C-alpha atoms as a PDB file:
ATOM      1  CA  UNK A   1     -36.995  54.798   0.983  1.00  0.00           C
ATOM      2  CA  UNK A   2     -35.270  58.104   1.655  1.00  0.00           C
ATOM      3  CA  UNK A   3     -31.564  58.866   2.057  1.00  0.00           C
ATOM      4  CA  UNK A   4     -31.665  58.223   5.802  1.00  0.00           C
ATOM      5  CA  UNK A   5     -32.964  54.668   5.546  1.00  0.00           C
ATOM      6  CA  UNK A   6     -30.466  51.807   5.729  1.00  0.00           C
ATOM      7  CA  UNK A   7     -31.209  49.042   3.251  1.00  0.00           C
ATOM      8  CA  UNK A   8     -32.162  45.675   4.725  1.00  0.00           C
ATOM      9  CA  UNK A   9     -29.399  43.049   4.622  1.00  0.00           C
ATOM     10  CA  UNK A  10     -29.569  39.307   4.825  1.00  0.00           C
ATOM     11  CA  UNK A  11     -29.086  37.941   8.300  1.00  0.00           C
ATOM     12  CA  UNK A  12     -27.507  34.743   6.946  1.00  0.00           C
ATOM     13  CA  UNK A  13     -24.046  36.207   6.902  1.00  0.00           C
ATOM     14  CA  UNK A  14     -24.057  37.453  10.497  1.00  0.00           C
ATOM     15  CA  UNK A  15     -26.246  34.983  12.380  1.00  0.00           C
ATOM     16  CA  UNK A  16     -26.791  31.243  12.192  1.00  0.00           C
ATOM     17  CA  UNK A  17     -29.892  30.159  10.335  1.00  0.00           C
ATOM     18  CA  UNK A  18     -32.994  29.067  12.153  1.00  0.00           C
ATOM     19  CA  UNK A  19     -32.589  25.520  10.906  1.00  0.00           C
ATOM     20  CA  UNK A  20     -29.446  25.191  12.995  1.00  0.00           C
ATOM     21  CA  UNK A  21     -27.412  23.514  10.272  1.00  0.00           C
ATOM     22  CA  UNK A  22     -24.089  22.612  11.770  1.00  0.00           C
ATOM     23  CA  UNK A  23     -24.800  24.036  15.211  1.00  0.00           C
ATOM     24  CA  UNK A  24     -24.736  22.105  18.458  1.00  0.00           C
ATOM     25  CA  UNK A  25     -28.523  22.064  18.697  1.00  0.00           C
ATOM     26  CA  UNK A  26     -28.998  21.902  14.920  1.00  0.00           C
ATOM     27  CA  UNK A  27     -30.332  19.240  12.625  1.00  0.00           C
ATOM     28  CA  UNK A  28     -26.826  17.990  11.859  1.00  0.00           C
ATOM     29  CA  UNK A  29     -26.185  16.884  15.398  1.00  0.00           C
ATOM     30  CA  UNK A  30     -24.250  13.779  16.386  1.00  0.00           C
ATOM     31  CA  UNK A  31     -26.159  11.477  14.042  1.00  0.00           C
ATOM     32  CA  UNK A  32     -25.489  13.619  10.970  1.00  0.00           C
ATOM     33  CA  UNK A  33     -21.814  13.950  11.860  1.00  0.00           C
ATOM     34  CA  UNK A  34     -21.345  10.210  12.300  1.00  0.00           C
ATOM     35  CA  UNK A  35     -22.943   9.487   8.942  1.00  0.00           C
ATOM     36  CA  UNK A  36     -20.466  11.821   7.273  1.00  0.00           C
ATOM     37  CA  UNK A  37     -17.516  10.230   9.045  1.00  0.00           C
ATOM     38  CA  UNK A  38     -18.799   6.746   8.265  1.00  0.00           C
ATOM     39  CA  UNK A  39     -19.144   7.637   4.590  1.00  0.00           C
ATOM     40  CA  UNK A  40     -15.630   9.059   4.578  1.00  0.00           C
ATOM     41  CA  UNK A  41     -14.286   5.957   6.328  1.00  0.00           C
ATOM     42  CA  UNK A  42     -16.023   3.689   3.794  1.00  0.00           C
ATOM     43  CA  UNK A  43     -14.605   5.711   0.891  1.00  0.00           C
ATOM     44  CA  UNK A  44     -11.089   5.580   2.319  1.00  0.00           C
ATOM     45  CA  UNK A  45     -11.408   1.858   3.071  1.00  0.00           C
ATOM     46  CA  UNK A  46     -12.629   1.060  -0.437  1.00  0.00           C
ATOM     47  CA  UNK A  47      -9.839   3.111  -2.002  1.00  0.00           C
ATOM     48  CA  UNK A  48      -7.147   1.615   0.207  1.00  0.00           C
ATOM     49  CA  UNK A  49      -8.645  -1.840  -0.227  1.00  0.00           C
ATOM     50  CA  UNK A  50      -8.287  -1.591  -3.992  1.00  0.00           C
ATOM     51  CA  UNK A  51      -4.727  -0.314  -3.645  1.00  0.00           C
ATOM     52  CA  UNK A  52      -3.827  -3.116  -1.227  1.00  0.00           C
ATOM     53  CA  UNK A  53      -5.344  -5.782  -3.494  1.00  0.00           C
ATOM     54  CA  UNK A  54      -3.362  -4.429  -6.440  1.00  0.00           C
ATOM     55  CA  UNK A  55      -0.210  -4.314  -4.323  1.00  0.00           C
ATOM     56  CA  UNK A  56      -0.786  -7.899  -3.156  1.00  0.00           C
ATOM     57  CA  UNK A  57      -1.212  -9.169  -6.705  1.00  0.00           C
ATOM     58  CA  UNK A  58       1.905  -7.335  -7.852  1.00  0.00           C
ATOM     59  CA  UNK A  59       3.877  -8.593  -4.851  1.00  0.00           C
ATOM     60  CA  UNK A  60       2.784 -12.159  -5.622  1.00  0.00           C
ATOM     61  CA  UNK A  61       3.796 -11.674  -9.261  1.00  0.00           C
ATOM     62  CA  UNK A  62       7.171 -10.345  -8.175  1.00  0.00           C
ATOM     63  CA  UNK A  63       7.698 -13.290  -5.839  1.00  0.00           C
ATOM     64  CA  UNK A  64       6.811 -15.744  -8.631  1.00  0.00           C
ATOM     65  CA  UNK A  65       9.138 -13.933 -11.015  1.00  0.00           C
ATOM     66  CA  UNK A  66      11.955 -13.964  -8.464  1.00  0.00           C
ATOM     67  CA  UNK A  67      11.492 -17.702  -7.907  1.00  0.00           C
ATOM     68  CA  UNK A  68      11.514 -18.374 -11.663  1.00  0.00           C
ATOM     69  CA  UNK A  69      14.650 -16.266 -12.055  1.00  0.00           C
ATOM     70  CA  UNK A  70      16.345 -18.094  -9.193  1.00  0.00           C
ATOM     71  CA  UNK A  71      15.455 -21.484 -10.689  1.00  0.00           C
ATOM     72  CA  UNK A  72      16.722 -20.421 -14.126  1.00  0.00           C
ATOM     73  CA  UNK A  73      19.974 -19.149 -12.667  1.00  0.00           C
ATOM     74  CA  UNK A  74      20.370 -22.352 -10.677  1.00  0.00           C
ATOM     75  CA  UNK A  75      19.822 -24.397 -13.848  1.00  0.00           C
ATOM     76  CA  UNK A  76      22.354 -22.276 -15.755  1.00  0.00           C
ATOM     77  CA  UNK A  77      24.885 -22.654 -12.965  1.00  0.00           C
ATOM     78  CA  UNK A  78      24.461 -26.430 -13.105  1.00  0.00           C
ATOM     79  CA  UNK A  79      24.903 -26.454 -16.886  1.00  0.00           C
ATOM     80  CA  UNK A  80      28.002 -24.273 -16.605  1.00  0.00           C
ATOM     81  CA  UNK A  81      29.452 -26.609 -13.992  1.00  0.00           C
ATOM     82  CA  UNK A  82      28.981 -29.533 -16.402  1.00  0.00           C
ATOM     83  CA  UNK A  83      30.559 -27.485 -19.188  1.00  0.00           C
ATOM     84  CA  UNK A  84      33.510 -26.585 -16.954  1.00  0.00           C
ATOM     85  CA  UNK A  85      34.099 -30.257 -16.188  1.00  0.00           C
ATOM     86  CA  UNK A  86      34.262 -31.022 -19.911  1.00  0.00           C
ATOM     87  CA  UNK A  87      36.374 -28.064 -20.999  1.00  0.00           C
ATOM     88  CA  UNK A  88      37.721 -25.783 -18.275  1.00  0.00           C
ATOM     89  CA  UNK A  89      38.162 -22.605 -20.325  1.00  0.00           C
ATOM     90  CA  UNK A  90      39.011 -19.350 -18.531  1.00  0.00           C
ATOM     91  CA  UNK A  91      36.201 -17.294 -20.100  1.00  0.00           C
ATOM     92  CA  UNK A  92      33.634 -19.950 -19.143  1.00  0.00           C
ATOM     93  CA  UNK A  93      34.950 -19.874 -15.590  1.00  0.00           C
ATOM     94  CA  UNK A  94      34.476 -16.090 -15.595  1.00  0.00           C
ATOM     95  CA  UNK A  95      30.844 -16.430 -16.635  1.00  0.00           C
ATOM     96  CA  UNK A  96      30.265 -19.195 -14.123  1.00  0.00           C
ATOM     97  CA  UNK A  97      31.557 -16.930 -11.351  1.00  0.00           C
ATOM     98  CA  UNK A  98      29.334 -14.064 -12.567  1.00  0.00           C
ATOM     99  CA  UNK A  99      26.259 -16.284 -12.681  1.00  0.00           C
ATOM    100  CA  UNK A 100      27.050 -17.690  -9.246  1.00  0.00           C
ATOM    101  CA  UNK A 101      27.372 -14.159  -7.825  1.00  0.00           C
ATOM    102  CA  UNK A 102      24.151 -13.131  -9.543  1.00  0.00           C
ATOM    103  CA  UNK A 103      22.374 -16.173  -8.159  1.00  0.00           C
ATOM    104  CA  UNK A 104      23.456 -15.245  -4.625  1.00  0.00           C
ATOM    105  CA  UNK A 105      22.253 -11.664  -5.101  1.00  0.00           C
ATOM    106  CA  UNK A 106      18.878 -12.793  -6.456  1.00  0.00           C
ATOM    107  CA  UNK A 107      18.522 -15.208  -3.547  1.00  0.00           C
ATOM    108  CA  UNK A 108      19.297 -12.435  -1.035  1.00  0.00           C
ATOM    109  CA  UNK A 109      16.816 -10.111  -2.758  1.00  0.00           C
ATOM    110  CA  UNK A 110      14.193 -12.846  -2.744  1.00  0.00           C
ATOM    111  CA  UNK A 111      14.649 -13.339   1.006  1.00  0.00           C
ATOM    112  CA  UNK A 112      14.360  -9.580   1.542  1.00  0.00           C
ATOM    113  CA  UNK A 113      11.159  -9.399  -0.512  1.00  0.00           C
ATOM    114  CA  UNK A 114       9.669 -12.297   1.445  1.00  0.00           C
ATOM    115  CA  UNK A 115      10.586 -10.580   4.717  1.00  0.00           C
ATOM    116  CA  UNK A 116       8.953  -7.339   3.570  1.00  0.00           C
ATOM    117  CA  UNK A 117       5.841  -9.232   2.464  1.00  0.00           C
ATOM    118  CA  UNK A 118       5.644 -10.959   5.867  1.00  0.00           C
ATOM    119  CA  UNK A 119       5.860  -7.593   7.623  1.00  0.00           C
ATOM    120  CA  UNK A 120       3.157  -6.108   5.406  1.00  0.00           C
ATOM    121  CA  UNK A 121       0.958  -9.152   6.034  1.00  0.00           C
ATOM    122  CA  UNK A 122       1.463  -8.715   9.794  1.00  0.00           C
ATOM    123  CA  UNK A 123       0.524  -5.014   9.580  1.00  0.00           C
ATOM    124  CA  UNK A 124      -2.522  -5.876   7.485  1.00  0.00           C
ATOM    125  CA  UNK A 125      -3.597  -8.485  10.022  1.00  0.00           C
ATOM    126  CA  UNK A 126      -3.148  -6.023  12.901  1.00  0.00           C
ATOM    127  CA  UNK A 127      -5.193  -3.369  11.086  1.00  0.00           C
ATOM    128  CA  UNK A 128      -7.961  -5.775  10.113  1.00  0.00           C
ATOM    129  CA  UNK A 129      -8.336  -7.109  13.661  1.00  0.00           C
ATOM    130  CA  UNK A 130      -8.194  -3.603  15.143  1.00  0.00           C
ATOM    131  CA  UNK A 131      -5.679  -1.887  17.317  1.00  0.00           C
ATOM    132  CA  UNK A 132      -5.561  -2.671  21.041  1.00  0.00           C
ATOM    133  CA  UNK A 133      -7.389  -0.245  23.319  1.00  0.00           C
ATOM    134  CA  UNK A 134      -5.308   2.664  24.553  1.00  0.00           C
ATOM    135  CA  UNK A 135      -3.208   3.086  21.424  1.00  0.00           C
ATOM    136  CA  UNK A 136      -4.027   6.288  19.614  1.00  0.00           C
END
């Protein structure tokens, strides 16, 4: 090799390889591309499935907890009403009013949580049955 010779370079950087990897006519044609997308879809579905199952269990736990809280507050309100009948003291009446207000707020929150859960269930059902044709 003298000073006038240009060293040989790899053709991989300037031209596609003969195997056609990734090209239109290459080995990774439509079938290879679909396998990749299917694998990605399965991975996303398994990840989201686990997240949704965890969310569902936590939502059910929250609903149970809200119901227990509502029942406890209702029981306390009943006991305070009995106590007020026996001895109508002003500070007891204050606490009875606070518990009654709290009970109403918990009830409203419980209804809101149930509404949200219904909406999520509807979305989940729509996604699991598939979207109608024509909606992108």
